[in-house]
Protein backbone atom coordinates (compact mmCIF):
# COMPACT_ATOMS: atom_id res chain seq x y z
CA MET A 1 32.16 62.97 3.99
CA ASP A 2 28.74 64.11 3.91
CA TYR A 3 29.03 67.43 2.31
CA SER A 4 25.52 67.98 2.97
CA LYS A 5 25.61 68.86 6.76
CA LEU A 6 28.42 71.12 5.94
CA LYS A 7 27.49 74.99 6.40
CA PHE A 8 29.33 77.81 4.28
CA PHE A 9 29.77 81.25 6.39
CA ASN A 10 31.17 84.25 5.25
CA VAL A 11 31.68 86.99 7.84
CA LYS A 12 34.08 90.06 8.18
CA TYR A 13 36.66 89.35 11.18
CA SER A 14 34.98 92.23 13.46
CA LEU A 15 31.60 90.81 13.14
CA PHE A 16 32.66 87.42 14.49
CA SER A 17 31.50 86.14 18.07
CA GLU A 18 34.48 85.73 20.64
CA TYR A 19 33.57 82.02 20.54
CA TYR A 20 34.31 81.99 16.80
CA LYS A 21 37.34 84.55 17.03
CA PHE A 22 38.82 81.53 19.37
CA LYS A 23 37.79 78.60 17.67
CA LEU A 24 39.09 80.52 14.28
CA ASN A 25 42.76 81.41 16.13
CA LYS A 26 42.65 77.60 17.26
CA LEU A 27 42.51 76.38 13.73
CA LEU A 28 45.21 78.67 12.41
CA ASP A 29 47.49 77.68 15.51
CA THR A 30 47.18 74.48 13.94
CA GLY A 31 48.49 74.88 10.63
CA PHE A 32 50.28 78.72 10.81
CA SER A 33 52.44 78.18 14.51
CA GLU A 34 55.53 79.79 12.82
CA LEU A 35 53.57 83.21 11.95
CA PRO A 36 54.34 86.02 14.11
CA SER A 37 50.46 86.71 13.32
CA TYR A 38 47.51 85.59 11.10
CA GLU A 39 46.79 89.51 9.95
CA LEU A 40 42.95 89.22 10.78
CA HIS A 41 42.23 92.66 10.33
CA ASP A 42 38.49 94.05 11.19
CA ASN A 43 38.15 94.27 7.63
CA THR A 44 39.16 90.83 6.79
CA LEU A 45 36.39 88.70 5.23
CA ILE A 46 36.42 84.98 6.77
CA TYR A 47 35.08 82.60 4.49
CA GLY A 48 34.65 78.90 5.38
CA LEU A 49 33.04 76.00 6.56
CA ILE A 50 31.33 74.71 10.03
CA SER A 51 30.38 71.21 10.50
CA ASP A 52 28.79 70.47 14.27
CA ASN A 53 29.52 74.11 15.44
CA GLU A 54 33.29 73.85 14.44
CA ILE A 55 35.12 75.65 11.89
CA ILE A 56 36.81 72.81 9.54
CA ALA A 57 38.20 74.81 6.98
CA CYS A 58 38.21 78.42 6.16
CA MET A 59 40.28 81.30 4.35
CA SER A 60 40.96 84.81 5.05
CA LEU A 61 39.89 87.55 2.08
CA LEU A 62 41.03 91.27 1.51
CA ASP A 63 39.58 93.02 -1.06
CA SER A 64 42.17 95.18 -3.23
CA PHE A 65 41.22 98.15 -1.77
CA THR A 66 41.42 97.28 1.95
CA LEU A 67 44.67 95.45 0.91
CA LYS A 68 46.57 98.73 -0.53
CA GLY A 69 44.89 100.81 3.00
CA ILE A 70 46.58 98.06 5.12
CA LEU A 71 49.73 98.31 3.02
CA GLU A 72 49.86 102.00 3.26
CA GLU A 73 49.15 102.26 6.98
CA ASN A 74 52.08 99.81 7.17
CA LYS A 75 54.61 102.23 5.31
CA ASN A 76 54.53 99.45 2.39
CA ASP A 77 53.11 101.82 -0.36
CA GLU A 78 54.04 99.22 -2.85
CA MET A 79 52.19 95.95 -4.10
CA ASN A 80 55.32 94.07 -4.30
CA GLY A 81 54.36 90.49 -3.61
CA TYR A 82 50.44 91.18 -4.68
CA SER A 83 48.87 90.60 -8.31
CA LYS A 84 49.82 92.93 -10.56
CA LYS A 85 46.84 93.29 -12.14
CA GLY A 86 45.16 96.25 -10.81
CA ASP A 87 41.86 96.94 -8.74
CA ASN A 88 38.71 94.67 -8.22
CA GLY A 89 40.23 91.59 -7.08
CA LEU A 90 40.53 89.19 -3.86
CA PHE A 91 43.74 88.44 -1.96
CA ILE A 92 43.14 84.92 -0.52
CA TYR A 93 45.36 83.90 2.60
CA ASN A 94 45.23 81.57 5.59
CA LEU A 95 43.70 78.91 3.94
CA ILE A 96 43.88 76.05 6.32
CA VAL A 97 41.70 72.68 6.54
CA ASN A 98 41.57 71.16 10.04
CA ASN A 99 43.90 67.90 10.06
CA ASN A 100 40.50 65.42 10.68
CA TYR A 101 39.13 67.11 6.89
CA ARG A 102 42.50 67.06 4.93
CA ARG A 103 42.14 65.24 1.65
CA GLN A 104 38.32 65.45 1.16
CA LYS A 105 38.43 68.42 -1.61
CA LEU A 106 37.53 71.22 1.53
CA GLY A 107 40.02 73.54 0.31
CA GLU A 108 38.84 73.11 -3.51
CA ILE A 109 35.18 73.43 -2.04
CA LEU A 110 36.02 76.65 -0.74
CA ILE A 111 37.67 78.00 -3.74
CA ARG A 112 35.45 76.84 -6.16
CA ASN A 113 32.51 78.34 -4.20
CA LEU A 114 33.89 81.70 -3.86
CA MET A 115 34.42 81.80 -7.40
CA LYS A 116 30.58 81.55 -7.91
CA GLU A 117 29.46 83.89 -5.33
CA THR A 118 32.10 86.70 -5.28
CA THR A 119 31.68 90.01 -7.95
CA ALA A 120 35.57 90.19 -7.95
CA LYS A 121 37.30 89.69 -11.46
CA TYR A 122 40.31 87.96 -10.09
CA LEU A 123 41.55 86.14 -7.21
CA HIS A 124 45.73 85.78 -5.97
CA CYS A 125 47.43 84.64 -3.41
CA GLN A 126 51.19 84.04 -2.34
CA VAL A 127 52.13 80.09 -1.85
CA LYS A 128 55.71 78.97 -0.47
CA LYS A 129 56.81 76.81 -3.76
CA ASP A 130 57.59 73.77 -1.30
CA ASN A 131 54.42 73.78 0.28
CA GLU A 132 52.98 71.07 -2.34
CA PRO A 133 49.12 70.61 -1.03
CA SER A 134 48.77 74.16 -1.01
CA PHE A 135 50.74 74.78 -4.60
CA ASN A 136 48.60 71.89 -6.10
CA LEU A 137 45.19 73.00 -4.72
CA PHE A 138 45.59 76.53 -6.17
CA PHE A 139 46.92 74.88 -9.69
CA LYS A 140 43.83 72.48 -9.47
CA CYS A 141 41.32 75.39 -8.99
CA GLY A 142 43.04 77.20 -12.56
CA PHE A 143 45.57 79.62 -10.86
CA GLN A 144 49.15 80.13 -12.48
CA ILE A 145 52.19 81.90 -11.20
CA GLU A 146 52.11 85.27 -12.01
CA ASP A 147 55.31 86.32 -10.06
CA GLU A 148 58.24 84.59 -7.76
CA MET A 149 60.02 86.13 -4.71
CA ILE A 150 61.81 85.10 -1.83
CA ASP A 151 60.57 85.36 1.60
CA ARG A 152 62.98 86.14 4.86
CA GLU A 153 63.52 82.15 5.09
CA ASN A 154 65.23 82.37 1.54
CA ARG A 155 62.32 80.09 0.33
CA VAL A 156 60.50 81.02 -3.13
CA VAL A 157 57.03 82.08 -2.81
CA CYS A 158 54.79 82.21 -5.63
CA VAL A 159 52.65 85.12 -6.59
CA MET A 160 49.52 82.94 -8.30
CA SER A 161 46.36 84.54 -9.86
CA ARG A 162 43.77 83.31 -11.32
CA ASN A 163 40.77 85.64 -13.43
CA ILE A 164 36.99 84.76 -12.52
């Protein structure tokens, strides 16, 4: 892979063009078809990589303030299933790499680049323990298990975080 041809982007979902919203949803459909929604809010930051005008890898980010607001809006004022570290963190979700670009370190590149650019003090995410590629990616990037919970499907979900 010629990494020099990749372009990073960092855009609020509300500012995405309809063209890229379509491309983003198409990519998310390939990996998260079982989800009822991708929870892309106007303030969700989409952080990713483009090659030849296609989104090939991306992740969704919410800062702790926005995340708390969304939880309160949905009548969930507890941070159950989220980092217990407090404010000034970023929640990573919907991390996906296009099937044609997997196993080329793009997920790791996204996370490590985010760690260089962000002013947040920590990153956190939720990973299903049986999702071995995702679980291993976050471990490789220095995340540790902070907590575990059981989801609606009776699967173990790990709350993982790392200081920056």
